C-alpha atoms as a PDB file:
ATOM      1  CA  UNK A   1      49.581  37.349  23.645  1.00  0.00           C
ATOM      2  CA  UNK A   2      47.452  38.469  20.716  1.00  0.00           C
ATOM      3  CA  UNK A   3      44.423  36.635  22.071  1.00  0.00           C
ATOM      4  CA  UNK A   4      44.157  34.609  18.874  1.00  0.00           C
ATOM      5  CA  UNK A   5      42.697  31.127  19.152  1.00  0.00           C
ATOM      6  CA  UNK A   6      43.201  28.534  16.433  1.00  0.00           C
ATOM      7  CA  UNK A   7      40.752  25.672  16.828  1.00  0.00           C
ATOM      8  CA  UNK A   8      41.029  22.478  14.820  1.00  0.00           C
ATOM      9  CA  UNK A   9      38.286  19.987  15.581  1.00  0.00           C
ATOM     10  CA  UNK A  10      36.800  16.807  14.234  1.00  0.00           C
ATOM     11  CA  UNK A  11      33.409  15.237  14.747  1.00  0.00           C
ATOM     12  CA  UNK A  12      31.627  12.173  13.447  1.00  0.00           C
ATOM     13  CA  UNK A  13      28.337  14.071  13.676  1.00  0.00           C
ATOM     14  CA  UNK A  14      26.839  16.699  11.389  1.00  0.00           C
ATOM     15  CA  UNK A  15      28.204  20.053  12.667  1.00  0.00           C
ATOM     16  CA  UNK A  16      24.917  21.701  11.693  1.00  0.00           C
ATOM     17  CA  UNK A  17      23.344  19.819  14.594  1.00  0.00           C
ATOM     18  CA  UNK A  18      26.232  19.428  17.033  1.00  0.00           C
ATOM     19  CA  UNK A  19      28.255  22.689  16.808  1.00  0.00           C
ATOM     20  CA  UNK A  20      26.839  25.957  18.148  1.00  0.00           C
ATOM     21  CA  UNK A  21      26.005  28.556  15.500  1.00  0.00           C
ATOM     22  CA  UNK A  22      28.398  31.188  16.887  1.00  0.00           C
ATOM     23  CA  UNK A  23      31.334  28.815  16.495  1.00  0.00           C
ATOM     24  CA  UNK A  24      30.165  27.344  13.204  1.00  0.00           C
ATOM     25  CA  UNK A  25      29.877  30.792  11.595  1.00  0.00           C
ATOM     26  CA  UNK A  26      33.544  31.467  12.360  1.00  0.00           C
ATOM     27  CA  UNK A  27      34.820  28.105  11.195  1.00  0.00           C
ATOM     28  CA  UNK A  28      35.673  26.629   7.826  1.00  0.00           C
ATOM     29  CA  UNK A  29      33.985  23.250   7.610  1.00  0.00           C
ATOM     30  CA  UNK A  30      35.700  20.505   5.640  1.00  0.00           C
ATOM     31  CA  UNK A  31      33.704  17.369   4.895  1.00  0.00           C
ATOM     32  CA  UNK A  32      35.713  14.154   5.027  1.00  0.00           C
ATOM     33  CA  UNK A  33      33.805  11.510   3.130  1.00  0.00           C
ATOM     34  CA  UNK A  34      34.068   7.779   3.684  1.00  0.00           C
ATOM     35  CA  UNK A  35      36.419   5.811   1.475  1.00  0.00           C
ATOM     36  CA  UNK A  36      35.051   3.941  -1.516  1.00  0.00           C
ATOM     37  CA  UNK A  37      34.997   0.140  -1.506  1.00  0.00           C
ATOM     38  CA  UNK A  38      37.934  -0.172  -3.959  1.00  0.00           C
ATOM     39  CA  UNK A  39      40.002   2.093  -1.689  1.00  0.00           C
ATOM     40  CA  UNK A  40      39.225  -0.034   1.363  1.00  0.00           C
ATOM     41  CA  UNK A  41      40.085  -3.197  -0.532  1.00  0.00           C
ATOM     42  CA  UNK A  42      43.431  -1.694  -1.585  1.00  0.00           C
ATOM     43  CA  UNK A  43      44.227  -0.874   2.043  1.00  0.00           C
ATOM     44  CA  UNK A  44      43.312  -4.398   3.148  1.00  0.00           C
ATOM     45  CA  UNK A  45      45.357  -6.007   0.377  1.00  0.00           C
ATOM     46  CA  UNK A  46      48.308  -3.786   1.249  1.00  0.00           C
ATOM     47  CA  UNK A  47      48.022  -4.855   4.894  1.00  0.00           C
ATOM     48  CA  UNK A  48      48.007  -8.540   3.955  1.00  0.00           C
ATOM     49  CA  UNK A  49      50.973  -8.148   1.614  1.00  0.00           C
ATOM     50  CA  UNK A  50      53.127  -5.698   3.590  1.00  0.00           C
ATOM     51  CA  UNK A  51      52.226  -5.654   7.280  1.00  0.00           C
ATOM     52  CA  UNK A  52      55.130  -7.142   9.226  1.00  0.00           C
ATOM     53  CA  UNK A  53      52.969  -8.942  11.770  1.00  0.00           C
ATOM     54  CA  UNK A  54      50.749 -10.479   9.126  1.00  0.00           C
ATOM     55  CA  UNK A  55      53.763 -11.518   7.089  1.00  0.00           C
ATOM     56  CA  UNK A  56      55.238 -13.271  10.105  1.00  0.00           C
ATOM     57  CA  UNK A  57      51.977 -15.210  10.451  1.00  0.00           C
ATOM     58  CA  UNK A  58      52.042 -16.068   6.715  1.00  0.00           C
ATOM     59  CA  UNK A  59      48.601 -14.561   6.178  1.00  0.00           C
ATOM     60  CA  UNK A  60      46.796 -14.696   2.855  1.00  0.00           C
ATOM     61  CA  UNK A  61      43.243 -13.631   2.113  1.00  0.00           C
ATOM     62  CA  UNK A  62      40.674 -14.617  -0.464  1.00  0.00           C
ATOM     63  CA  UNK A  63      39.583 -11.805  -2.741  1.00  0.00           C
ATOM     64  CA  UNK A  64      35.956 -12.427  -1.738  1.00  0.00           C
ATOM     65  CA  UNK A  65      36.860 -11.971   1.922  1.00  0.00           C
ATOM     66  CA  UNK A  66      38.468  -8.589   1.288  1.00  0.00           C
ATOM     67  CA  UNK A  67      35.549  -7.506  -0.886  1.00  0.00           C
ATOM     68  CA  UNK A  68      33.126  -8.439   1.881  1.00  0.00           C
ATOM     69  CA  UNK A  69      35.038  -6.475   4.502  1.00  0.00           C
ATOM     70  CA  UNK A  70      35.221  -3.500   2.123  1.00  0.00           C
ATOM     71  CA  UNK A  71      31.456  -3.539   1.681  1.00  0.00           C
ATOM     72  CA  UNK A  72      30.599  -3.848   5.354  1.00  0.00           C
ATOM     73  CA  UNK A  73      32.748  -1.119   6.892  1.00  0.00           C
ATOM     74  CA  UNK A  74      30.865   1.965   5.576  1.00  0.00           C
ATOM     75  CA  UNK A  75      33.998   3.616   4.212  1.00  0.00           C
ATOM     76  CA  UNK A  76      35.897   3.300   7.517  1.00  0.00           C
ATOM     77  CA  UNK A  77      39.299   1.697   6.957  1.00  0.00           C
ATOM     78  CA  UNK A  78      39.820   1.206  10.686  1.00  0.00           C
ATOM     79  CA  UNK A  79      36.722  -0.952  10.932  1.00  0.00           C
ATOM     80  CA  UNK A  80      37.877  -3.061   7.997  1.00  0.00           C
ATOM     81  CA  UNK A  81      41.412  -3.482   9.374  1.00  0.00           C
ATOM     82  CA  UNK A  82      40.112  -4.397  12.824  1.00  0.00           C
ATOM     83  CA  UNK A  83      37.833  -7.010  11.293  1.00  0.00           C
ATOM     84  CA  UNK A  84      40.716  -8.394   9.232  1.00  0.00           C
ATOM     85  CA  UNK A  85      42.873  -8.626  12.350  1.00  0.00           C
ATOM     86  CA  UNK A  86      40.087 -10.423  14.208  1.00  0.00           C
ATOM     87  CA  UNK A  87      39.597 -12.839  11.329  1.00  0.00           C
ATOM     88  CA  UNK A  88      43.322 -13.635  11.255  1.00  0.00           C
ATOM     89  CA  UNK A  89      43.308 -14.379  14.981  1.00  0.00           C
ATOM     90  CA  UNK A  90      40.592 -16.998  14.546  1.00  0.00           C
ATOM     91  CA  UNK A  91      42.077 -18.768  11.504  1.00  0.00           C
ATOM     92  CA  UNK A  92      44.017 -21.966  12.063  1.00  0.00           C
ATOM     93  CA  UNK A  93      47.297 -22.370  10.170  1.00  0.00           C
ATOM     94  CA  UNK A  94      47.576 -25.186   7.624  1.00  0.00           C
ATOM     95  CA  UNK A  95      50.453 -27.720   7.716  1.00  0.00           C
ATOM     96  CA  UNK A  96      52.664 -25.231   5.858  1.00  0.00           C
ATOM     97  CA  UNK A  97      51.945 -22.582   8.507  1.00  0.00           C
ATOM     98  CA  UNK A  98      49.827 -20.413   6.208  1.00  0.00           C
ATOM     99  CA  UNK A  99      46.689 -18.709   7.511  1.00  0.00           C
ATOM    100  CA  UNK A 100      44.122 -18.078   4.774  1.00  0.00           C
ATOM    101  CA  UNK A 101      41.249 -15.724   5.555  1.00  0.00           C
ATOM    102  CA  UNK A 102      38.148 -16.983   3.738  1.00  0.00           C
ATOM    103  CA  UNK A 103      34.806 -15.322   3.108  1.00  0.00           C
ATOM    104  CA  UNK A 104      33.335 -17.312   6.002  1.00  0.00           C
ATOM    105  CA  UNK A 105      36.099 -16.037   8.294  1.00  0.00           C
ATOM    106  CA  UNK A 106      35.403 -12.445   7.244  1.00  0.00           C
ATOM    107  CA  UNK A 107      31.673 -12.876   7.826  1.00  0.00           C
ATOM    108  CA  UNK A 108      32.321 -14.336  11.261  1.00  0.00           C
ATOM    109  CA  UNK A 109      34.630 -11.449  12.123  1.00  0.00           C
ATOM    110  CA  UNK A 110      32.030  -8.885  11.159  1.00  0.00           C
ATOM    111  CA  UNK A 111      29.316 -11.046  12.795  1.00  0.00           C
ATOM    112  CA  UNK A 112      26.508  -8.838  11.584  1.00  0.00           C
ATOM    113  CA  UNK A 113      26.469  -5.855   9.324  1.00  0.00           C
ATOM    114  CA  UNK A 114      26.508  -2.719  11.467  1.00  0.00           C
ATOM    115  CA  UNK A 115      24.428  -0.248   9.508  1.00  0.00           C
ATOM    116  CA  UNK A 116      25.273   3.421   9.530  1.00  0.00           C
ATOM    117  CA  UNK A 117      22.532   5.020  11.601  1.00  0.00           C
ATOM    118  CA  UNK A 118      22.180   7.478  14.444  1.00  0.00           C
ATOM    119  CA  UNK A 119      18.767   7.986  15.963  1.00  0.00           C
ATOM    120  CA  UNK A 120      19.361  11.629  16.805  1.00  0.00           C
ATOM    121  CA  UNK A 121      21.751  12.752  14.071  1.00  0.00           C
ATOM    122  CA  UNK A 122      21.939  13.375  10.346  1.00  0.00           C
ATOM    123  CA  UNK A 123      21.526   9.804   9.102  1.00  0.00           C
ATOM    124  CA  UNK A 124      18.321   9.436  11.109  1.00  0.00           C
ATOM    125  CA  UNK A 125      16.809  12.379   9.243  1.00  0.00           C
ATOM    126  CA  UNK A 126      18.314  11.276   5.925  1.00  0.00           C
ATOM    127  CA  UNK A 127      16.577   7.894   6.074  1.00  0.00           C
ATOM    128  CA  UNK A 128      13.265   9.303   7.262  1.00  0.00           C
ATOM    129  CA  UNK A 129      13.418  11.823   4.412  1.00  0.00           C
ATOM    130  CA  UNK A 130      14.236   9.043   1.954  1.00  0.00           C
ATOM    131  CA  UNK A 131      11.245   6.989   3.105  1.00  0.00           C
ATOM    132  CA  UNK A 132       8.864   9.952   3.048  1.00  0.00           C
ATOM    133  CA  UNK A 133       9.910  11.109  -0.419  1.00  0.00           C
ATOM    134  CA  UNK A 134       9.802   7.560  -1.809  1.00  0.00           C
ATOM    135  CA  UNK A 135       6.226   7.227  -0.543  1.00  0.00           C
ATOM    136  CA  UNK A 136       5.277  10.643  -1.931  1.00  0.00           C
ATOM    137  CA  UNK A 137       6.818   9.842  -5.326  1.00  0.00           C
ATOM    138  CA  UNK A 138       4.876   6.538  -5.492  1.00  0.00           C
ATOM    139  CA  UNK A 139       7.964   4.300  -5.530  1.00  0.00           C
ATOM    140  CA  UNK A 140       6.988   1.126  -3.617  1.00  0.00           C
ATOM    141  CA  UNK A 141      10.404  -0.510  -4.062  1.00  0.00           C
ATOM    142  CA  UNK A 142      12.289   2.400  -2.535  1.00  0.00           C
ATOM    143  CA  UNK A 143       9.675   2.895   0.191  1.00  0.00           C
ATOM    144  CA  UNK A 144       9.876  -0.672   1.483  1.00  0.00           C
ATOM    145  CA  UNK A 145      13.685  -0.605   1.171  1.00  0.00           C
ATOM    146  CA  UNK A 146      14.054   2.466   3.378  1.00  0.00           C
ATOM    147  CA  UNK A 147      11.631   1.046   5.918  1.00  0.00           C
ATOM    148  CA  UNK A 148      13.753  -2.104   6.002  1.00  0.00           C
ATOM    149  CA  UNK A 149      16.944  -0.082   6.324  1.00  0.00           C
ATOM    150  CA  UNK A 150      15.681   1.801   9.347  1.00  0.00           C
ATOM    151  CA  UNK A 151      14.356  -1.299  11.075  1.00  0.00           C
ATOM    152  CA  UNK A 152      17.548  -3.263  10.413  1.00  0.00           C
ATOM    153  CA  UNK A 153      19.568  -0.421  11.930  1.00  0.00           C
ATOM    154  CA  UNK A 154      17.544  -0.445  15.143  1.00  0.00           C
ATOM    155  CA  UNK A 155      15.006   2.333  14.615  1.00  0.00           C
ATOM    156  CA  UNK A 156      11.911   2.110  16.813  1.00  0.00           C
ATOM    157  CA  UNK A 157       9.270   0.428  14.584  1.00  0.00           C
ATOM    158  CA  UNK A 158       6.543   2.519  16.195  1.00  0.00           C
ATOM    159  CA  UNK A 159       8.367   5.670  15.113  1.00  0.00           C
ATOM    160  CA  UNK A 160       8.285   4.377  11.536  1.00  0.00           C
ATOM    161  CA  UNK A 161       4.583   3.585  11.952  1.00  0.00           C
ATOM    162  CA  UNK A 162       3.841   7.077  13.263  1.00  0.00           C
ATOM    163  CA  UNK A 163       5.593   8.601  10.272  1.00  0.00           C
ATOM    164  CA  UNK A 164       3.442   6.529   7.927  1.00  0.00           C
ATOM    165  CA  UNK A 165       0.257   7.580   9.739  1.00  0.00           C
ATOM    166  CA  UNK A 166       1.316  11.187   9.307  1.00  0.00           C
ATOM    167  CA  UNK A 167       2.096  10.577   5.631  1.00  0.00           C
ATOM    168  CA  UNK A 168      -1.349   9.064   5.073  1.00  0.00           C
ATOM    169  CA  UNK A 169      -3.025  12.284   6.199  1.00  0.00           C
ATOM    170  CA  UNK A 170      -0.506  14.744   4.785  1.00  0.00           C
ATOM    171  CA  UNK A 171       0.231  13.336   1.323  1.00  0.00           C
ATOM    172  CA  UNK A 172      -2.710  11.031   0.546  1.00  0.00           C
ATOM    173  CA  UNK A 173      -5.616  12.462   2.487  1.00  0.00           C
ATOM    174  CA  UNK A 174      -9.003  11.930   0.868  1.00  0.00           C
ATOM    175  CA  UNK A 175      -7.567  10.707  -2.414  1.00  0.00           C
ATOM    176  CA  UNK A 176      -7.642   7.357  -0.586  1.00  0.00           C
ATOM    177  CA  UNK A 177      -9.248   7.555   2.880  1.00  0.00           C
ATOM    178  CA  UNK A 178      -8.322   3.891   3.429  1.00  0.00           C
ATOM    179  CA  UNK A 179      -4.651   4.870   3.593  1.00  0.00           C
ATOM    180  CA  UNK A 180      -5.037   6.248   7.114  1.00  0.00           C
ATOM    181  CA  UNK A 181      -6.746   3.034   8.227  1.00  0.00           C
ATOM    182  CA  UNK A 182      -4.016   0.889   6.672  1.00  0.00           C
ATOM    183  CA  UNK A 183      -1.240   2.911   8.323  1.00  0.00           C
ATOM    184  CA  UNK A 184      -2.966   2.876  11.705  1.00  0.00           C
ATOM    185  CA  UNK A 185      -3.706  -0.845  11.489  1.00  0.00           C
ATOM    186  CA  UNK A 186      -0.052  -1.504  10.657  1.00  0.00           C
ATOM    187  CA  UNK A 187       0.824   0.232  13.923  1.00  0.00           C
ATOM    188  CA  UNK A 188      -1.711  -1.902  15.791  1.00  0.00           C
ATOM    189  CA  UNK A 189      -0.462  -5.070  14.086  1.00  0.00           C
ATOM    190  CA  UNK A 190       3.072  -4.328  15.202  1.00  0.00           C
ATOM    191  CA  UNK A 191       1.805  -3.751  18.756  1.00  0.00           C
ATOM    192  CA  UNK A 192       0.109  -7.166  18.601  1.00  0.00           C
ATOM    193  CA  UNK A 193       2.858  -9.183  16.891  1.00  0.00           C
ATOM    194  CA  UNK A 194       6.064  -7.417  17.868  1.00  0.00           C
ATOM    195  CA  UNK A 195       9.401  -8.029  16.140  1.00  0.00           C
ATOM    196  CA  UNK A 196      10.068  -9.544  13.658  1.00  0.00           C
ATOM    197  CA  UNK A 197       6.583 -10.594  12.480  1.00  0.00           C
ATOM    198  CA  UNK A 198       5.071  -7.166  13.043  1.00  0.00           C
ATOM    199  CA  UNK A 199       7.626  -5.556  10.753  1.00  0.00           C
ATOM    200  CA  UNK A 200       5.887  -7.187   7.795  1.00  0.00           C
ATOM    201  CA  UNK A 201       2.778  -5.123   8.549  1.00  0.00           C
ATOM    202  CA  UNK A 202       4.880  -1.967   8.304  1.00  0.00           C
ATOM    203  CA  UNK A 203       6.304  -3.151   4.985  1.00  0.00           C
ATOM    204  CA  UNK A 204       2.791  -3.866   3.697  1.00  0.00           C
ATOM    205  CA  UNK A 205       1.620  -0.414   4.747  1.00  0.00           C
ATOM    206  CA  UNK A 206       4.611   1.250   3.085  1.00  0.00           C
ATOM    207  CA  UNK A 207       3.842  -0.440  -0.234  1.00  0.00           C
ATOM    208  CA  UNK A 208       0.140   0.442   0.028  1.00  0.00           C
ATOM    209  CA  UNK A 209       0.885   4.091   0.780  1.00  0.00           C
ATOM    210  CA  UNK A 210       3.345   4.303  -2.099  1.00  0.00           C
ATOM    211  CA  UNK A 211       0.769   2.924  -4.545  1.00  0.00           C
ATOM    212  CA  UNK A 212      -2.143   5.032  -3.269  1.00  0.00           C
ATOM    213  CA  UNK A 213      -3.258   8.152  -5.194  1.00  0.00           C
ATOM    214  CA  UNK A 214      -1.743  11.292  -3.723  1.00  0.00           C
ATOM    215  CA  UNK A 215      -3.304  14.538  -2.521  1.00  0.00           C
ATOM    216  CA  UNK A 216      -2.181  17.234  -0.109  1.00  0.00           C
ATOM    217  CA  UNK A 217      -5.533  19.038  -0.285  1.00  0.00           C
ATOM    218  CA  UNK A 218      -6.371  18.277   3.360  1.00  0.00           C
ATOM    219  CA  UNK A 219      -2.922  19.440   4.480  1.00  0.00           C
ATOM    220  CA  UNK A 220      -3.233  22.655   2.467  1.00  0.00           C
ATOM    221  CA  UNK A 221      -6.784  23.299   3.685  1.00  0.00           C
ATOM    222  CA  UNK A 222      -5.891  22.945   7.346  1.00  0.00           C
ATOM    223  CA  UNK A 223      -2.813  25.107   6.912  1.00  0.00           C
ATOM    224  CA  UNK A 224      -4.967  27.873   5.432  1.00  0.00           C
ATOM    225  CA  UNK A 225      -7.453  27.516   8.303  1.00  0.00           C
ATOM    226  CA  UNK A 226      -4.683  27.910  10.872  1.00  0.00           C
ATOM    227  CA  UNK A 227      -3.405  31.044   9.157  1.00  0.00           C
ATOM    228  CA  UNK A 228      -6.872  32.625   9.129  1.00  0.00           C
ATOM    229  CA  UNK A 229      -7.398  31.817  12.797  1.00  0.00           C
ATOM    230  CA  UNK A 230      -4.112  33.538  13.600  1.00  0.00           C
ATOM    231  CA  UNK A 231      -5.039  36.518  11.418  1.00  0.00           C
ATOM    232  CA  UNK A 232      -8.683  37.026  12.436  1.00  0.00           C
ATOM    233  CA  UNK A 233      -8.894  35.522  15.909  1.00  0.00           C
ATOM    234  CA  UNK A 234     -12.175  34.172  17.320  1.00  0.00           C
ATOM    235  CA  UNK A 235     -14.757  35.256  14.755  1.00  0.00           C
ATOM    236  CA  UNK A 236     -18.418  34.838  15.817  1.00  0.00           C
ATOM    237  CA  UNK A 237     -20.468  31.840  14.690  1.00  0.00           C
ATOM    238  CA  UNK A 238     -23.201  32.854  12.180  1.00  0.00           C
ATOM    239  CA  UNK A 239     -26.603  33.107  13.871  1.00  0.00           C
ATOM    240  CA  UNK A 240     -28.202  30.723  11.394  1.00  0.00           C
ATOM    241  CA  UNK A 241     -26.146  27.748  12.604  1.00  0.00           C
ATOM    242  CA  UNK A 242     -26.138  28.589  16.305  1.00  0.00           C
ATOM    243  CA  UNK A 243     -27.955  26.228  18.648  1.00  0.00           C
ATOM    244  CA  UNK A 244     -31.002  27.885  20.219  1.00  0.00           C
ATOM    245  CA  UNK A 245     -31.509  26.080  23.523  1.00  0.00           C
ATOM    246  CA  UNK A 246     -33.455  28.815  25.330  1.00  0.00           C
ATOM    247  CA  UNK A 247     -36.289  31.198  24.428  1.00  0.00           C
ATOM    248  CA  UNK A 248     -33.928  34.139  24.862  1.00  0.00           C
ATOM    249  CA  UNK A 249     -31.584  32.661  22.280  1.00  0.00           C
ATOM    250  CA  UNK A 250     -34.440  32.086  19.854  1.00  0.00           C
ATOM    251  CA  UNK A 251     -35.603  35.650  20.322  1.00  0.00           C
ATOM    252  CA  UNK A 252     -32.035  36.801  19.597  1.00  0.00           C
ATOM    253  CA  UNK A 253     -32.160  35.048  16.232  1.00  0.00           C
ATOM    254  CA  UNK A 254     -30.170  31.936  17.052  1.00  0.00           C
ATOM    255  CA  UNK A 255     -30.916  29.281  14.423  1.00  0.00           C
ATOM    256  CA  UNK A 256     -33.345  31.529  12.582  1.00  0.00           C
ATOM    257  CA  UNK A 257     -33.805  30.390   8.987  1.00  0.00           C
ATOM    258  CA  UNK A 258     -31.748  27.235   9.437  1.00  0.00           C
ATOM    259  CA  UNK A 259     -32.386  24.682   6.678  1.00  0.00           C
ATOM    260  CA  UNK A 260     -32.263  20.993   7.643  1.00  0.00           C
ATOM    261  CA  UNK A 261     -30.047  19.216   5.102  1.00  0.00           C
ATOM    262  CA  UNK A 262     -31.990  15.949   5.055  1.00  0.00           C
ATOM    263  CA  UNK A 263     -35.038  17.740   3.682  1.00  0.00           C
ATOM    264  CA  UNK A 264     -33.170  18.643   0.495  1.00  0.00           C
ATOM    265  CA  UNK A 265     -31.958  16.643  -2.537  1.00  0.00           C
ATOM    266  CA  UNK A 266     -28.571  15.006  -1.951  1.00  0.00           C
ATOM    267  CA  UNK A 267     -28.791  16.270   1.670  1.00  0.00           C
ATOM    268  CA  UNK A 268     -26.823  19.399   0.781  1.00  0.00           C
ATOM    269  CA  UNK A 269     -27.806  22.959   1.688  1.00  0.00           C
ATOM    270  CA  UNK A 270     -26.351  26.202   0.382  1.00  0.00           C
ATOM    271  CA  UNK A 271     -26.401  28.377   3.492  1.00  0.00           C
ATOM    272  CA  UNK A 272     -23.758  30.347   5.358  1.00  0.00           C
ATOM    273  CA  UNK A 273     -21.591  28.244   7.664  1.00  0.00           C
ATOM    274  CA  UNK A 274     -18.402  30.321   7.897  1.00  0.00           C
ATOM    275  CA  UNK A 275     -18.088  33.611   9.831  1.00  0.00           C
ATOM    276  CA  UNK A 276     -19.076  36.744   7.905  1.00  0.00           C
ATOM    277  CA  UNK A 277     -15.468  37.781   7.229  1.00  0.00           C
ATOM    278  CA  UNK A 278     -14.679  34.382   5.735  1.00  0.00           C
ATOM    279  CA  UNK A 279     -17.989  33.460   4.114  1.00  0.00           C
ATOM    280  CA  UNK A 280     -16.554  33.432   0.578  1.00  0.00           C
ATOM    281  CA  UNK A 281     -13.366  31.588   1.513  1.00  0.00           C
ATOM    282  CA  UNK A 282     -12.504  28.219  -0.034  1.00  0.00           C
ATOM    283  CA  UNK A 283     -10.170  26.077   2.032  1.00  0.00           C
ATOM    284  CA  UNK A 284     -10.560  22.618   0.576  1.00  0.00           C
ATOM    285  CA  UNK A 285      -9.524  22.380  -3.055  1.00  0.00           C
ATOM    286  CA  UNK A 286      -9.720  18.684  -3.959  1.00  0.00           C
ATOM    287  CA  UNK A 287      -7.546  17.174  -6.635  1.00  0.00           C
ATOM    288  CA  UNK A 288      -8.890  15.096  -9.513  1.00  0.00           C
ATOM    289  CA  UNK A 289      -7.297  11.940  -8.093  1.00  0.00           C
ATOM    290  CA  UNK A 290      -8.804   8.999  -6.259  1.00  0.00           C
ATOM    291  CA  UNK A 291     -11.882   9.160  -4.055  1.00  0.00           C
ATOM    292  CA  UNK A 292     -11.834  12.939  -3.652  1.00  0.00           C
ATOM    293  CA  UNK A 293     -11.557  13.366  -7.416  1.00  0.00           C
ATOM    294  CA  UNK A 294     -14.619  11.192  -7.917  1.00  0.00           C
ATOM    295  CA  UNK A 295     -16.520  13.082  -5.234  1.00  0.00           C
ATOM    296  CA  UNK A 296     -15.460  16.398  -6.780  1.00  0.00           C
ATOM    297  CA  UNK A 297     -16.913  15.402 -10.158  1.00  0.00           C
ATOM    298  CA  UNK A 298     -20.175  14.325  -8.522  1.00  0.00           C
ATOM    299  CA  UNK A 299     -20.568  17.675  -6.776  1.00  0.00           C
ATOM    300  CA  UNK A 300     -19.676  19.651  -9.904  1.00  0.00           C
ATOM    301  CA  UNK A 301     -22.257  17.776 -11.990  1.00  0.00           C
ATOM    302  CA  UNK A 302     -25.152  18.863  -9.760  1.00  0.00           C
END
């Protein structure tokens, strides 16, 4: 009668992605975290010792079996209990009628570790972020681990490869120009070999990128260029570097005074190349690392 609605909901997805903003802003969000491994093991042990059905079947379980199930269920007690129940159903009773769940039985029940991953949800972005930051922070162990995690969970290997190609340009750039070639060749190698052999090329690329010198100078330079294009629009090309293909163009001053670089020492010419409004702008600010650092020192010494 008052028009009041009380909504209690639950989702396995991140509400930031799956719940509309209007509803989320009016809701109190409680995060229910997965159980820890010791908690899961306690639940499993309690089931073995107290569950009426399991007691009737005279079920016992090795400690290693319960530990394994606790590790593989990602904090979900239901998954662990279902696996325990499946393991019990496959175990043969001994002459005394006792059914003992061994580590091998638990492994068979789980069949294969089902990794927590969702290609469109939070964990997808968490793992991509983990890989990217491990590469950026020059941690080869973490980088190859997160690549392996994503591939083991079913991520598209070409998506991983594309992310590494992007990383090579964004976070390494000209500090090591070979990084882009390595990342791109890893993509091509996976195309050629497929799974699982091609995954090794992605692992190799991840380690190389992690160990390469880092620079975001290219990324920063292009970002500044884009901002100036948005701010100033289509500024005219300086006459000196325009191509004079007709007499009329030459008479208008196209290419007048142009200096041919190969006629000068080091093939470098100090003439205006940017539009008048931007002629004193510096976009590319190289770091002191890697190839671009070496090239920077060479240019500064002239």
